[in-house]
Amino acid sequence: MHDIVEAITGLAERIKADERIARPVITDPRNLVTPCVMIEPPRLDNRDAVLCGRIKATFKILVIGTPGTWIEFAPLAELLAQVLDVLEDDDAAEWTTAAFVSWVPPNDYMSSPDPAMAYQITCEVYV
């Protein structure tokens, strides 16, 4: 049995444990307060399971800034750099891409008309 919840919480705990990360690291979007780092449930890939006996979980880690003007980009870029440093120091997780995206909370899109700037990091972990 592959424990997806353990993989999500383990990745979140590794990021939280680093003293450089001063913002919340969450896995539940209902607890979202920006700026923060949110780890979404992974996409599972079974293609490599025959060779190594494990499933590859591809996580989308969102480094979310605050809604507003371009002046908010500098704090977002700093938080992104901190998260990438943690992922590069961690042998268990390998990040592949970091894409600039706009992000609106799925359960609060009517009350916040401006999307937040965010980076979506693709991170691969074997579970």
C-alpha atoms as a PDB file:
ATOM      1  CA  MET A   1       0.000   0.000   0.000  1.00  0.00           C
ATOM      2  CA  HIS A   2       1.343   3.386  -0.974  1.00  0.00           C
ATOM      3  CA  ASP A   3       0.683   6.028   1.636  1.00  0.00           C
ATOM      4  CA  ILE A   4      -0.121   9.218  -0.264  1.00  0.00           C
ATOM      5  CA  VAL A   5      -1.071  11.148   2.876  1.00  0.00           C
ATOM      6  CA  GLU A   6       2.289  10.273   4.425  1.00  0.00           C
ATOM      7  CA  ALA A   7       4.067  11.494   1.285  1.00  0.00           C
ATOM      8  CA  ILE A   8       2.183  14.822   1.310  1.00  0.00           C
ATOM      9  CA  THR A   9       2.682  15.470   5.015  1.00  0.00           C
ATOM     10  CA  GLY A  10       6.303  14.300   4.847  1.00  0.00           C
ATOM     11  CA  LEU A  11       7.082  16.768   2.073  1.00  0.00           C
ATOM     12  CA  ALA A  12       5.284  19.555   3.959  1.00  0.00           C
ATOM     13  CA  GLU A  13       7.178  18.765   7.159  1.00  0.00           C
ATOM     14  CA  ARG A  14      10.541  18.817   5.369  1.00  0.00           C
ATOM     15  CA  ILE A  15       9.786  22.280   3.974  1.00  0.00           C
ATOM     16  CA  LYS A  16       8.392  23.551   7.317  1.00  0.00           C
ATOM     17  CA  ALA A  17      11.444  22.298   9.200  1.00  0.00           C
ATOM     18  CA  ASP A  18      13.803  24.668   7.414  1.00  0.00           C
ATOM     19  CA  GLU A  19      14.368  27.854   9.398  1.00  0.00           C
ATOM     20  CA  ARG A  20      14.454  29.959   6.202  1.00  0.00           C
ATOM     21  CA  ILE A  21      10.732  29.318   5.581  1.00  0.00           C
ATOM     22  CA  ALA A  22       8.890  31.913   7.671  1.00  0.00           C
ATOM     23  CA  ARG A  23       5.502  31.514   5.957  1.00  0.00           C
ATOM     24  CA  PRO A  24       2.897  28.771   6.556  1.00  0.00           C
ATOM     25  CA  VAL A  25       3.278  25.465   4.702  1.00  0.00           C
ATOM     26  CA  ILE A  26      -0.151  23.869   4.267  1.00  0.00           C
ATOM     27  CA  THR A  27      -1.797  20.885   2.612  1.00  0.00           C
ATOM     28  CA  ASP A  28      -5.425  21.947   3.148  1.00  0.00           C
ATOM     29  CA  PRO A  29      -6.604  24.935   1.059  1.00  0.00           C
ATOM     30  CA  ARG A  30      -9.255  25.737   3.677  1.00  0.00           C
ATOM     31  CA  ASN A  31      -6.430  26.921   5.980  1.00  0.00           C
ATOM     32  CA  LEU A  32      -4.920  29.270   3.413  1.00  0.00           C
ATOM     33  CA  VAL A  33      -3.514  32.651   4.415  1.00  0.00           C
ATOM     34  CA  THR A  34      -1.291  34.230   1.778  1.00  0.00           C
ATOM     35  CA  PRO A  35       1.613  34.389   1.315  1.00  0.00           C
ATOM     36  CA  CYS A  36       2.166  30.696   1.921  1.00  0.00           C
ATOM     37  CA  VAL A  37       3.333  27.387   0.480  1.00  0.00           C
ATOM     38  CA  MET A  38       0.573  24.895  -0.388  1.00  0.00           C
ATOM     39  CA  ILE A  39       1.165  21.288  -1.380  1.00  0.00           C
ATOM     40  CA  GLU A  40      -1.604  19.789  -3.491  1.00  0.00           C
ATOM     41  CA  PRO A  41      -2.384  16.061  -3.692  1.00  0.00           C
ATOM     42  CA  PRO A  42      -0.090  14.376  -6.229  1.00  0.00           C
ATOM     43  CA  ARG A  43      -0.597  12.862  -9.640  1.00  0.00           C
ATOM     44  CA  LEU A  44       0.501   9.204  -9.532  1.00  0.00           C
ATOM     45  CA  ASP A  45       2.518   7.521 -12.261  1.00  0.00           C
ATOM     46  CA  ASN A  46       2.875   3.743 -12.327  1.00  0.00           C
ATOM     47  CA  ARG A  47       5.187   3.482 -15.391  1.00  0.00           C
ATOM     48  CA  ASP A  48       8.375   3.108 -13.308  1.00  0.00           C
ATOM     49  CA  ALA A  49       6.829   0.779 -10.716  1.00  0.00           C
ATOM     50  CA  VAL A  50       7.937  -2.380 -12.545  1.00  0.00           C
ATOM     51  CA  LEU A  51      11.594  -1.367 -12.352  1.00  0.00           C
ATOM     52  CA  CYS A  52      11.815   0.070  -8.865  1.00  0.00           C
ATOM     53  CA  GLY A  53       8.683  -1.265  -7.175  1.00  0.00           C
ATOM     54  CA  ARG A  54       7.453   2.192  -6.244  1.00  0.00           C
ATOM     55  CA  ILE A  55       5.056   4.708  -7.714  1.00  0.00           C
ATOM     56  CA  LYS A  56       6.203   8.184  -8.729  1.00  0.00           C
ATOM     57  CA  ALA A  57       4.092  10.942  -7.162  1.00  0.00           C
ATOM     58  CA  THR A  58       4.241  14.284  -8.962  1.00  0.00           C
ATOM     59  CA  PHE A  59       3.345  17.094  -6.589  1.00  0.00           C
ATOM     60  CA  LYS A  60       2.345  20.629  -7.462  1.00  0.00           C
ATOM     61  CA  ILE A  61       3.750  22.885  -4.786  1.00  0.00           C
ATOM     62  CA  LEU A  62       2.235  26.358  -4.957  1.00  0.00           C
ATOM     63  CA  VAL A  63       4.280  29.235  -3.587  1.00  0.00           C
ATOM     64  CA  ILE A  64       1.502  31.804  -3.301  1.00  0.00           C
ATOM     65  CA  GLY A  65       1.988  35.537  -2.911  1.00  0.00           C
ATOM     66  CA  THR A  66      -0.605  38.160  -2.077  1.00  0.00           C
ATOM     67  CA  PRO A  67      -3.110  39.599  -4.554  1.00  0.00           C
ATOM     68  CA  GLY A  68      -2.179  43.012  -5.781  1.00  0.00           C
ATOM     69  CA  THR A  69       0.404  44.946  -7.670  1.00  0.00           C
ATOM     70  CA  TRP A  70       3.758  43.983  -9.120  1.00  0.00           C
ATOM     71  CA  ILE A  71       5.461  45.259  -5.952  1.00  0.00           C
ATOM     72  CA  GLU A  72       4.387  41.978  -4.333  1.00  0.00           C
ATOM     73  CA  PHE A  73       6.661  40.023  -6.698  1.00  0.00           C
ATOM     74  CA  ALA A  74       9.870  40.538  -4.685  1.00  0.00           C
ATOM     75  CA  PRO A  75       8.560  38.801  -1.511  1.00  0.00           C
ATOM     76  CA  LEU A  76       7.146  35.998  -3.686  1.00  0.00           C
ATOM     77  CA  ALA A  77      10.492  35.531  -5.439  1.00  0.00           C
ATOM     78  CA  GLU A  78      12.270  35.401  -2.069  1.00  0.00           C
ATOM     79  CA  LEU A  79       9.878  32.746  -0.730  1.00  0.00           C
ATOM     80  CA  LEU A  80      10.260  30.770  -3.972  1.00  0.00           C
ATOM     81  CA  ALA A  81      14.057  30.851  -3.652  1.00  0.00           C
ATOM     82  CA  GLN A  82      13.812  29.575  -0.074  1.00  0.00           C
ATOM     83  CA  VAL A  83      11.530  26.674  -1.044  1.00  0.00           C
ATOM     84  CA  LEU A  84      13.744  25.721  -3.997  1.00  0.00           C
ATOM     85  CA  ASP A  85      16.794  25.754  -1.713  1.00  0.00           C
ATOM     86  CA  VAL A  86      15.028  23.337   0.647  1.00  0.00           C
ATOM     87  CA  LEU A  87      14.032  21.049  -2.234  1.00  0.00           C
ATOM     88  CA  GLU A  88      17.582  21.080  -3.641  1.00  0.00           C
ATOM     89  CA  ASP A  89      19.004  20.184  -0.216  1.00  0.00           C
ATOM     90  CA  ASP A  90      16.518  17.314   0.183  1.00  0.00           C
ATOM     91  CA  ASP A  91      17.519  14.085  -1.554  1.00  0.00           C
ATOM     92  CA  ALA A  92      14.017  12.601  -1.267  1.00  0.00           C
ATOM     93  CA  ALA A  93      12.302  15.218  -3.460  1.00  0.00           C
ATOM     94  CA  GLU A  94      13.398  16.404  -6.896  1.00  0.00           C
ATOM     95  CA  TRP A  95      11.867  19.516  -8.411  1.00  0.00           C
ATOM     96  CA  THR A  96      11.718  19.724 -12.200  1.00  0.00           C
ATOM     97  CA  THR A  97       9.972  23.005 -13.117  1.00  0.00           C
ATOM     98  CA  ALA A  98       8.744  26.207 -11.500  1.00  0.00           C
ATOM     99  CA  ALA A  99       6.157  28.126 -13.538  1.00  0.00           C
ATOM    100  CA  PHE A 100       4.757  31.593 -12.837  1.00  0.00           C
ATOM    101  CA  VAL A 101       0.949  31.375 -12.558  1.00  0.00           C
ATOM    102  CA  SER A 102      -1.983  33.384 -11.266  1.00  0.00           C
ATOM    103  CA  TRP A 103      -3.920  31.736  -8.472  1.00  0.00           C
ATOM    104  CA  VAL A 104      -7.384  32.239  -6.988  1.00  0.00           C
ATOM    105  CA  PRO A 105      -8.523  30.191  -3.962  1.00  0.00           C
ATOM    106  CA  PRO A 106     -11.012  27.584  -5.209  1.00  0.00           C
ATOM    107  CA  ASN A 107     -13.425  28.091  -2.308  1.00  0.00           C
ATOM    108  CA  ASP A 108     -13.178  31.902  -2.192  1.00  0.00           C
ATOM    109  CA  TYR A 109     -13.058  33.088  -5.788  1.00  0.00           C
ATOM    110  CA  MET A 110     -16.016  35.472  -5.425  1.00  0.00           C
ATOM    111  CA  SER A 111     -14.590  37.462  -2.513  1.00  0.00           C
ATOM    112  CA  SER A 112     -11.108  37.981  -3.970  1.00  0.00           C
ATOM    113  CA  PRO A 113     -11.463  39.357  -7.504  1.00  0.00           C
ATOM    114  CA  ASP A 114      -7.705  39.763  -7.979  1.00  0.00           C
ATOM    115  CA  PRO A 115      -5.694  36.594  -8.458  1.00  0.00           C
ATOM    116  CA  ALA A 116      -2.523  36.184  -6.458  1.00  0.00           C
ATOM    117  CA  MET A 117       0.844  35.806  -8.122  1.00  0.00           C
ATOM    118  CA  ALA A 118       2.231  32.339  -7.529  1.00  0.00           C
ATOM    119  CA  TYR A 119       4.815  29.837  -8.659  1.00  0.00           C
ATOM    120  CA  GLN A 120       3.790  26.257  -9.296  1.00  0.00           C
ATOM    121  CA  ILE A 121       6.707  23.923  -8.610  1.00  0.00           C
ATOM    122  CA  THR A 122       6.575  20.412 -10.027  1.00  0.00           C
ATOM    123  CA  CYS A 123       8.241  18.022  -7.612  1.00  0.00           C
ATOM    124  CA  GLU A 124       8.672  14.261  -7.995  1.00  0.00           C
ATOM    125  CA  VAL A 125       8.811  11.807  -5.092  1.00  0.00           C
ATOM    126  CA  TYR A 126       8.706   8.008  -5.091  1.00  0.00           C
ATOM    127  CA  VAL A 127       6.091   6.547  -2.705  1.00  0.00           C
END
